[in-house]
Amino acid sequence: MWRSLFLALGAFAVIAGVECLVCDKAILAAKGEPSLEGMINNPAGASDAVTRREIVPPEWAPWSLLSGGAVTMLYSFTLPKRAAG
């Protein structure tokens, strides 16, 4: 069980690192409650107002996630298949 957990965490970190390496920023948009800014930008109705959040990963994030994930995956291969007990 521990082996598969560490392998999954390492694979997740490697995939997140590759995504951070490829994408410069991510913009998350979700429909939110009506706001004054949404009403001004969209006079048709406040129900169509969209809340946006921009995520910009720091420069160290891609390589740190890639290396940490690779080391974690290598560690998972060195664990014994079954723990004694």
C-alpha atoms as a PDB file:
ATOM      1  CA  MET A   1       0.000   0.000   0.000  1.00  0.00           C
ATOM      2  CA  TRP A   2       2.788   2.450   0.836  1.00  0.00           C
ATOM      3  CA  ARG A   3       4.522   1.726  -2.445  1.00  0.00           C
ATOM      4  CA  SER A   4       1.465   2.623  -4.500  1.00  0.00           C
ATOM      5  CA  LEU A   5       0.818   5.745  -2.407  1.00  0.00           C
ATOM      6  CA  PHE A   6       4.333   7.115  -2.939  1.00  0.00           C
ATOM      7  CA  LEU A   7       4.230   6.168  -6.617  1.00  0.00           C
ATOM      8  CA  ALA A   8       0.935   8.053  -7.068  1.00  0.00           C
ATOM      9  CA  LEU A   9       2.208  11.128  -5.191  1.00  0.00           C
ATOM     10  CA  GLY A  10       5.394  11.156  -7.265  1.00  0.00           C
ATOM     11  CA  ALA A  11       3.479  10.809 -10.529  1.00  0.00           C
ATOM     12  CA  PHE A  12       1.145  13.636  -9.489  1.00  0.00           C
ATOM     13  CA  ALA A  13       4.109  15.900  -8.696  1.00  0.00           C
ATOM     14  CA  VAL A  14       5.785  15.103 -12.029  1.00  0.00           C
ATOM     15  CA  ILE A  15       2.578  15.825 -13.963  1.00  0.00           C
ATOM     16  CA  ALA A  16       2.023  19.082 -12.053  1.00  0.00           C
ATOM     17  CA  GLY A  17       5.646  20.078 -12.779  1.00  0.00           C
ATOM     18  CA  VAL A  18       5.230  19.442 -16.495  1.00  0.00           C
ATOM     19  CA  GLU A  19       2.023  21.475 -16.490  1.00  0.00           C
ATOM     20  CA  CYS A  20       3.766  24.364 -14.719  1.00  0.00           C
ATOM     21  CA  LEU A  21       6.615  24.141 -17.221  1.00  0.00           C
ATOM     22  CA  VAL A  22       4.268  24.328 -20.212  1.00  0.00           C
ATOM     23  CA  CYS A  23       1.713  26.893 -18.983  1.00  0.00           C
ATOM     24  CA  ASP A  24       2.680  30.425 -17.977  1.00  0.00           C
ATOM     25  CA  LYS A  25      -0.535  31.091 -16.062  1.00  0.00           C
ATOM     26  CA  ALA A  26      -3.944  29.572 -15.402  1.00  0.00           C
ATOM     27  CA  ILE A  27      -7.160  31.550 -15.229  1.00  0.00           C
ATOM     28  CA  LEU A  28      -9.948  29.986 -13.197  1.00  0.00           C
ATOM     29  CA  ALA A  29     -13.444  31.288 -13.859  1.00  0.00           C
ATOM     30  CA  ALA A  30     -16.509  30.464 -11.787  1.00  0.00           C
ATOM     31  CA  LYS A  31     -19.948  31.946 -11.627  1.00  0.00           C
ATOM     32  CA  GLY A  32     -20.266  33.834  -8.402  1.00  0.00           C
ATOM     33  CA  GLU A  33     -22.645  36.098  -6.612  1.00  0.00           C
ATOM     34  CA  PRO A  34     -23.552  39.364  -8.303  1.00  0.00           C
ATOM     35  CA  SER A  35     -21.044  42.150  -7.788  1.00  0.00           C
ATOM     36  CA  LEU A  36     -20.950  45.802  -8.737  1.00  0.00           C
ATOM     37  CA  GLU A  37     -18.125  45.157 -11.210  1.00  0.00           C
ATOM     38  CA  GLY A  38     -20.110  42.356 -12.847  1.00  0.00           C
ATOM     39  CA  MET A  39     -23.191  44.551 -13.166  1.00  0.00           C
ATOM     40  CA  ILE A  40     -21.184  47.355 -14.793  1.00  0.00           C
ATOM     41  CA  ASN A  41     -19.430  45.031 -17.257  1.00  0.00           C
ATOM     42  CA  ASN A  42     -22.578  43.026 -18.002  1.00  0.00           C
ATOM     43  CA  PRO A  43     -25.683  45.236 -17.867  1.00  0.00           C
ATOM     44  CA  ALA A  44     -27.961  42.419 -19.119  1.00  0.00           C
ATOM     45  CA  GLY A  45     -27.999  40.762 -15.719  1.00  0.00           C
ATOM     46  CA  ALA A  46     -25.923  40.131 -12.660  1.00  0.00           C
ATOM     47  CA  SER A  47     -26.570  36.399 -12.825  1.00  0.00           C
ATOM     48  CA  ASP A  48     -24.059  36.144 -15.686  1.00  0.00           C
ATOM     49  CA  ALA A  49     -21.292  37.734 -13.630  1.00  0.00           C
ATOM     50  CA  VAL A  50     -18.096  35.705 -13.646  1.00  0.00           C
ATOM     51  CA  THR A  51     -15.462  35.687 -10.919  1.00  0.00           C
ATOM     52  CA  ARG A  52     -11.930  35.088 -12.234  1.00  0.00           C
ATOM     53  CA  ARG A  53      -8.798  34.053 -10.430  1.00  0.00           C
ATOM     54  CA  GLU A  54      -5.365  34.025 -12.036  1.00  0.00           C
ATOM     55  CA  ILE A  55      -2.689  31.577 -10.864  1.00  0.00           C
ATOM     56  CA  VAL A  56       0.920  32.232 -11.902  1.00  0.00           C
ATOM     57  CA  PRO A  57       3.398  29.571 -10.716  1.00  0.00           C
ATOM     58  CA  PRO A  58       6.763  30.856  -9.491  1.00  0.00           C
ATOM     59  CA  GLU A  59       9.851  30.123 -11.582  1.00  0.00           C
ATOM     60  CA  TRP A  60      11.168  27.476  -9.186  1.00  0.00           C
ATOM     61  CA  ALA A  61       7.934  25.456  -9.122  1.00  0.00           C
ATOM     62  CA  PRO A  62       8.234  23.365 -12.333  1.00  0.00           C
ATOM     63  CA  TRP A  63      11.737  22.060 -11.695  1.00  0.00           C
ATOM     64  CA  SER A  64      11.134  21.501  -7.986  1.00  0.00           C
ATOM     65  CA  LEU A  65       7.964  19.510  -8.652  1.00  0.00           C
ATOM     66  CA  LEU A  66       9.667  17.490 -11.394  1.00  0.00           C
ATOM     67  CA  SER A  67      12.714  16.621  -9.295  1.00  0.00           C
ATOM     68  CA  GLY A  68      10.742  15.967  -6.105  1.00  0.00           C
ATOM     69  CA  GLY A  69       8.301  13.744  -7.973  1.00  0.00           C
ATOM     70  CA  ALA A  70      11.100  11.809  -9.674  1.00  0.00           C
ATOM     71  CA  VAL A  71      12.894  11.211  -6.364  1.00  0.00           C
ATOM     72  CA  THR A  72       9.627  10.110  -4.732  1.00  0.00           C
ATOM     73  CA  MET A  73       8.924   7.675  -7.570  1.00  0.00           C
ATOM     74  CA  LEU A  74      12.443   6.255  -7.331  1.00  0.00           C
ATOM     75  CA  TYR A  75      11.949   5.868  -3.571  1.00  0.00           C
ATOM     76  CA  SER A  76       8.721   3.961  -4.156  1.00  0.00           C
ATOM     77  CA  PHE A  77      10.584   1.408  -6.272  1.00  0.00           C
ATOM     78  CA  THR A  78      13.074   0.738  -3.459  1.00  0.00           C
ATOM     79  CA  LEU A  79      10.393  -0.069  -0.872  1.00  0.00           C
ATOM     80  CA  PRO A  80       9.910  -3.765  -0.179  1.00  0.00           C
ATOM     81  CA  LYS A  81       6.852  -5.353  -1.777  1.00  0.00           C
ATOM     82  CA  ARG A  82       5.439  -6.540   1.531  1.00  0.00           C
ATOM     83  CA  ALA A  83       6.268  -5.225   4.960  1.00  0.00           C
ATOM     84  CA  ALA A  84       7.212  -7.831   7.548  1.00  0.00           C
ATOM     85  CA  GLY A  85       4.474  -8.596   9.999  1.00  0.00           C
END
